[in-house]
């Protein structure tokens, strides 16, 4: 098992020490894990500051690798919450800091947060979705220093109607931008935890990614608690195989390593 999206107390919204996550991963038989701590510059909510102490984070990762490296591979990643006005800063961070793996995620759009619903006020769902994906497309056209797009349809976690149009035309343009660049997407199993009864992204998006030639795909639980590590991993593997994918990816030094499914 590989879990390439998880958090510890280095993330603002998590209070679980890193060592607890590592010990539970070993207990569950996970072969490789990647901490992807949050960094959301200028997150539009005064109660949350998604900052990251890069020096202490690096020191702790190295300590865990020394202590538990004979039992599990531990990778150092980051989850960048993109917005158009912070991309220059992210260029500097990703140039100066070492990461095995970089997730590009969008947690806010139009300088409004998704989690507390501010972004959705006064909009139809179609309008909200279109604004979300259009801004994400704008970001990934300008910012290239990432490996995969995280929970690509996160916007549906907060407002979702089954069967509603998913802006597949914009998502297709996003895929046409990232696939030739050797960038991929993830299966993020947190959709089950948050009550929408499926993984992120939606099955239609996964199918579109495959049809357009996408091959790089990781699996992550987005766990903030030890018990959630590798949730729905077997389900995700079966889903990928049923869609015709041959491999799941892990990353080292931002280079994909492909593992044959099944």
Protein backbone atom coordinates (compact mmCIF):
# COMPACT_ATOMS: atom_id res chain seq x y z
CA UNK A 1 0.00 0.00 0.00
CA UNK A 2 1.06 3.57 -0.74
CA UNK A 3 -0.48 6.66 0.83
CA UNK A 4 0.64 9.83 -0.91
CA UNK A 5 -1.62 12.43 0.66
CA UNK A 6 -1.58 12.75 4.44
CA UNK A 7 -0.98 15.29 7.16
CA UNK A 8 0.45 15.71 10.65
CA UNK A 9 0.56 18.48 13.24
CA UNK A 10 2.74 20.48 10.87
CA UNK A 11 -0.54 21.28 9.09
CA UNK A 12 -2.83 23.90 10.58
CA UNK A 13 -5.89 21.64 10.57
CA UNK A 14 -4.22 18.57 12.12
CA UNK A 15 -3.06 17.88 15.68
CA UNK A 16 -1.61 14.38 15.20
CA UNK A 17 2.17 14.15 15.79
CA UNK A 18 4.09 12.88 12.78
CA UNK A 19 5.46 9.89 14.67
CA UNK A 20 1.93 8.66 15.45
CA UNK A 21 1.12 8.69 11.75
CA UNK A 22 4.30 6.76 10.96
CA UNK A 23 3.71 4.13 13.63
CA UNK A 24 0.14 3.54 12.47
CA UNK A 25 1.25 3.31 8.84
CA UNK A 26 3.75 0.59 9.78
CA UNK A 27 1.06 -1.19 11.77
CA UNK A 28 -1.25 -1.15 8.75
CA UNK A 29 1.42 -2.53 6.45
CA UNK A 30 1.81 0.58 4.32
CA UNK A 31 5.00 0.31 2.25
CA UNK A 32 5.47 3.97 1.46
CA UNK A 33 3.95 7.18 2.82
CA UNK A 34 4.36 10.81 1.87
CA UNK A 35 3.59 13.68 4.22
CA UNK A 36 1.99 16.47 2.22
CA UNK A 37 1.66 19.25 4.75
CA UNK A 38 -0.55 22.21 3.95
CA UNK A 39 0.83 25.51 2.78
CA UNK A 40 -1.90 27.97 1.76
CA UNK A 41 -0.53 31.46 1.49
CA UNK A 42 -3.13 34.18 2.08
CA UNK A 43 -5.89 31.71 2.93
CA UNK A 44 -9.07 33.80 3.14
CA UNK A 45 -10.17 32.97 6.68
CA UNK A 46 -8.87 34.72 9.77
CA UNK A 47 -9.21 31.62 11.97
CA UNK A 48 -6.88 29.50 9.83
CA UNK A 49 -3.26 30.22 8.96
CA UNK A 50 -1.92 27.48 6.72
CA UNK A 51 1.73 28.34 7.22
CA UNK A 52 4.56 25.82 7.48
CA UNK A 53 7.86 25.87 9.35
CA UNK A 54 9.99 24.49 6.55
CA UNK A 55 13.14 24.02 8.65
CA UNK A 56 11.45 22.11 11.47
CA UNK A 57 9.42 20.08 8.98
CA UNK A 58 12.57 19.01 7.15
CA UNK A 59 14.30 18.11 10.43
CA UNK A 60 11.36 15.99 11.59
CA UNK A 61 11.06 14.12 8.30
CA UNK A 62 14.76 13.25 8.43
CA UNK A 63 14.40 12.10 12.04
CA UNK A 64 11.51 9.81 11.09
CA UNK A 65 13.46 8.46 8.12
CA UNK A 66 16.42 7.64 10.36
CA UNK A 67 14.24 6.04 13.04
CA UNK A 68 11.79 4.06 10.90
CA UNK A 69 13.49 3.82 7.51
CA UNK A 70 14.06 0.08 7.86
CA UNK A 71 10.29 -0.45 8.21
CA UNK A 72 8.71 2.04 5.81
CA UNK A 73 9.69 4.55 3.12
CA UNK A 74 8.86 8.07 4.27
CA UNK A 75 8.75 10.83 1.66
CA UNK A 76 8.67 14.59 2.13
CA UNK A 77 5.91 16.37 0.25
CA UNK A 78 3.82 19.51 0.36
CA UNK A 79 0.28 20.44 -0.59
CA UNK A 80 0.22 23.94 -2.06
CA UNK A 81 -3.12 25.72 -1.99
CA UNK A 82 -2.95 27.76 -5.17
CA UNK A 83 -4.52 31.12 -5.90
CA UNK A 84 -3.47 33.34 -8.82
CA UNK A 85 -1.90 36.04 -6.65
CA UNK A 86 0.42 33.71 -4.65
CA UNK A 87 2.06 31.84 -7.52
CA UNK A 88 5.23 33.94 -7.62
CA UNK A 89 5.81 33.12 -3.96
CA UNK A 90 5.29 29.41 -4.65
CA UNK A 91 7.88 29.55 -7.43
CA UNK A 92 10.46 30.73 -4.88
CA UNK A 93 9.47 28.16 -2.25
CA UNK A 94 9.61 25.22 -4.62
CA UNK A 95 12.94 26.45 -6.01
CA UNK A 96 14.56 26.77 -2.58
CA UNK A 97 13.09 23.80 -0.67
CA UNK A 98 13.53 20.08 -1.36
CA UNK A 99 10.38 18.00 -1.80
CA UNK A 100 9.88 14.47 -3.09
CA UNK A 101 6.34 15.30 -4.11
CA UNK A 102 4.26 18.46 -4.67
CA UNK A 103 0.47 18.49 -4.76
CA UNK A 104 -1.24 21.45 -6.39
CA UNK A 105 -4.64 21.95 -4.77
CA UNK A 106 -7.23 24.69 -4.77
CA UNK A 107 -8.91 25.31 -1.40
CA UNK A 108 -10.14 28.82 -2.18
CA UNK A 109 -11.32 30.62 -5.30
CA UNK A 110 -12.00 34.27 -6.04
CA UNK A 111 -10.20 34.91 -2.72
CA UNK A 112 -13.05 33.20 -0.88
CA UNK A 113 -12.88 29.93 1.03
CA UNK A 114 -14.73 26.78 0.01
CA UNK A 115 -14.89 25.15 3.44
CA UNK A 116 -17.15 27.69 5.15
CA UNK A 117 -19.23 28.36 2.04
CA UNK A 118 -18.32 31.97 1.33
CA UNK A 119 -17.38 31.16 -2.26
CA UNK A 120 -20.86 29.79 -3.06
CA UNK A 121 -22.92 32.75 -1.84
CA UNK A 122 -25.09 34.33 -4.52
CA UNK A 123 -24.16 31.80 -7.22
CA UNK A 124 -25.77 28.86 -8.90
CA UNK A 125 -23.80 25.63 -8.66
CA UNK A 126 -23.04 25.77 -12.38
CA UNK A 127 -21.60 29.26 -11.97
CA UNK A 128 -19.59 28.26 -8.88
CA UNK A 129 -18.12 25.19 -10.58
CA UNK A 130 -17.21 27.16 -13.69
CA UNK A 131 -15.46 29.85 -11.64
CA UNK A 132 -13.57 27.24 -9.61
CA UNK A 133 -12.23 25.27 -12.59
CA UNK A 134 -11.50 28.40 -14.64
CA UNK A 135 -9.35 29.80 -11.84
CA UNK A 136 -7.59 26.46 -11.38
CA UNK A 137 -6.86 26.40 -15.13
CA UNK A 138 -5.45 29.92 -14.88
CA UNK A 139 -3.17 28.82 -12.04
CA UNK A 140 -1.76 25.72 -13.71
CA UNK A 141 -1.10 27.65 -16.92
CA UNK A 142 1.23 29.93 -14.93
CA UNK A 143 2.57 27.64 -12.21
CA UNK A 144 4.33 24.45 -13.30
CA UNK A 145 6.29 23.31 -10.26
CA UNK A 146 4.00 20.52 -9.08
CA UNK A 147 3.55 16.80 -9.69
CA UNK A 148 -0.16 16.11 -9.38
CA UNK A 149 -3.45 17.96 -8.96
CA UNK A 150 -5.00 17.19 -5.58
CA UNK A 151 -8.68 16.29 -5.13
CA UNK A 152 -9.40 17.91 -8.48
CA UNK A 153 -13.13 18.34 -7.87
CA UNK A 154 -12.86 19.47 -4.24
CA UNK A 155 -15.55 22.07 -4.94
CA UNK A 156 -18.10 19.24 -5.06
CA UNK A 157 -17.35 18.24 -1.46
CA UNK A 158 -19.14 21.34 -0.22
CA UNK A 159 -21.93 21.70 -2.78
CA UNK A 160 -22.89 18.72 -4.87
CA UNK A 161 -25.88 17.40 -6.77
CA UNK A 162 -25.55 14.00 -8.42
CA UNK A 163 -25.74 14.31 -12.18
CA UNK A 164 -24.90 18.00 -12.25
CA UNK A 165 -22.57 19.06 -15.05
CA UNK A 166 -18.93 18.86 -13.99
CA UNK A 167 -17.44 21.47 -16.38
CA UNK A 168 -15.74 18.67 -18.26
CA UNK A 169 -14.87 21.07 -21.07
CA UNK A 170 -12.65 23.13 -18.75
CA UNK A 171 -11.27 20.02 -17.08
CA UNK A 172 -10.34 18.68 -20.52
CA UNK A 173 -8.29 21.83 -21.12
CA UNK A 174 -6.62 21.34 -17.73
CA UNK A 175 -5.67 17.79 -18.68
CA UNK A 176 -4.35 18.91 -22.06
CA UNK A 177 -2.11 21.30 -20.15
CA UNK A 178 -0.73 18.90 -17.52
CA UNK A 179 -0.48 15.54 -19.33
CA UNK A 180 2.21 16.63 -21.82
CA UNK A 181 4.14 18.15 -18.90
CA UNK A 182 4.38 14.81 -17.12
CA UNK A 183 2.00 15.88 -14.37
CA UNK A 184 -0.87 13.78 -13.07
CA UNK A 185 -3.81 13.57 -10.72
CA UNK A 186 -4.68 11.64 -7.60
CA UNK A 187 -7.43 9.42 -6.32
CA UNK A 188 -8.25 11.05 -3.00
CA UNK A 189 -10.42 8.78 -0.87
CA UNK A 190 -11.56 11.49 1.58
CA UNK A 191 -14.83 11.84 -0.31
CA UNK A 192 -16.09 8.85 1.65
CA UNK A 193 -15.04 10.41 4.96
CA UNK A 194 -16.77 13.69 4.11
CA UNK A 195 -20.02 12.02 3.13
CA UNK A 196 -20.26 12.27 -0.65
CA UNK A 197 -19.92 8.51 -1.06
CA UNK A 198 -17.12 8.41 -3.63
CA UNK A 199 -13.51 9.33 -4.23
CA UNK A 200 -12.23 12.61 -5.62
CA UNK A 201 -12.37 13.17 -8.48
CA UNK A 202 -15.68 11.98 -9.90
CA UNK A 203 -15.65 8.86 -12.07
CA UNK A 204 -16.39 10.93 -15.20
CA UNK A 205 -13.24 12.96 -14.59
CA UNK A 206 -11.13 9.84 -14.10
CA UNK A 207 -12.51 8.42 -17.36
CA UNK A 208 -11.69 11.67 -19.19
CA UNK A 209 -8.13 11.65 -17.83
CA UNK A 210 -7.65 8.10 -19.11
CA UNK A 211 -9.17 8.90 -22.52
CA UNK A 212 -6.78 11.82 -22.96
CA UNK A 213 -3.77 9.64 -22.29
CA UNK A 214 -3.20 10.38 -18.61
CA UNK A 215 -1.14 7.72 -16.85
CA UNK A 216 0.32 9.32 -13.71
CA UNK A 217 -2.03 8.78 -10.79
CA UNK A 218 -1.39 8.50 -7.07
CA UNK A 219 -3.62 7.28 -4.24
CA UNK A 220 -4.01 9.26 -1.04
CA UNK A 221 -6.28 9.15 1.97
CA UNK A 222 -5.89 12.84 2.88
CA UNK A 223 -5.73 11.50 6.43
CA UNK A 224 -5.46 13.90 9.35
CA UNK A 225 -5.89 11.07 11.86
CA UNK A 226 -3.93 7.79 12.07
CA UNK A 227 -6.98 5.56 11.75
CA UNK A 228 -7.77 7.03 8.33
CA UNK A 229 -4.46 6.11 6.71
CA UNK A 230 -4.87 4.11 3.47
CA UNK A 231 -8.67 4.26 3.71
CA UNK A 232 -10.37 2.64 0.71
CA UNK A 233 -7.00 1.71 -0.78
CA UNK A 234 -8.12 -1.64 -2.19
CA UNK A 235 -11.28 0.01 -3.52
CA UNK A 236 -9.14 2.59 -5.32
CA UNK A 237 -6.88 -0.05 -6.85
CA UNK A 238 -9.90 -1.97 -8.17
CA UNK A 239 -11.37 1.26 -9.53
CA UNK A 240 -8.19 2.06 -11.41
CA UNK A 241 -7.96 -1.44 -12.87
CA UNK A 242 -11.59 -1.31 -13.98
CA UNK A 243 -10.91 1.98 -15.76
CA UNK A 244 -7.97 0.45 -17.60
CA UNK A 245 -5.08 1.96 -15.67
CA UNK A 246 -2.02 -0.27 -15.43
CA UNK A 247 -0.01 1.49 -12.73
CA UNK A 248 -0.17 3.54 -9.57
CA UNK A 249 2.58 6.08 -9.04
CA UNK A 250 4.75 7.11 -6.13
CA UNK A 251 7.36 9.87 -6.23
CA UNK A 252 10.96 10.38 -5.17
CA UNK A 253 12.78 13.65 -5.88
CA UNK A 254 9.69 14.62 -7.89
CA UNK A 255 10.20 11.75 -10.31
CA UNK A 256 7.35 9.25 -10.76
CA UNK A 257 7.92 5.60 -9.96
CA UNK A 258 5.33 3.28 -11.50
CA UNK A 259 4.02 0.22 -9.68
CA UNK A 260 2.01 -2.33 -11.62
CA UNK A 261 -1.52 -2.79 -10.35
CA UNK A 262 -2.66 -6.20 -9.23
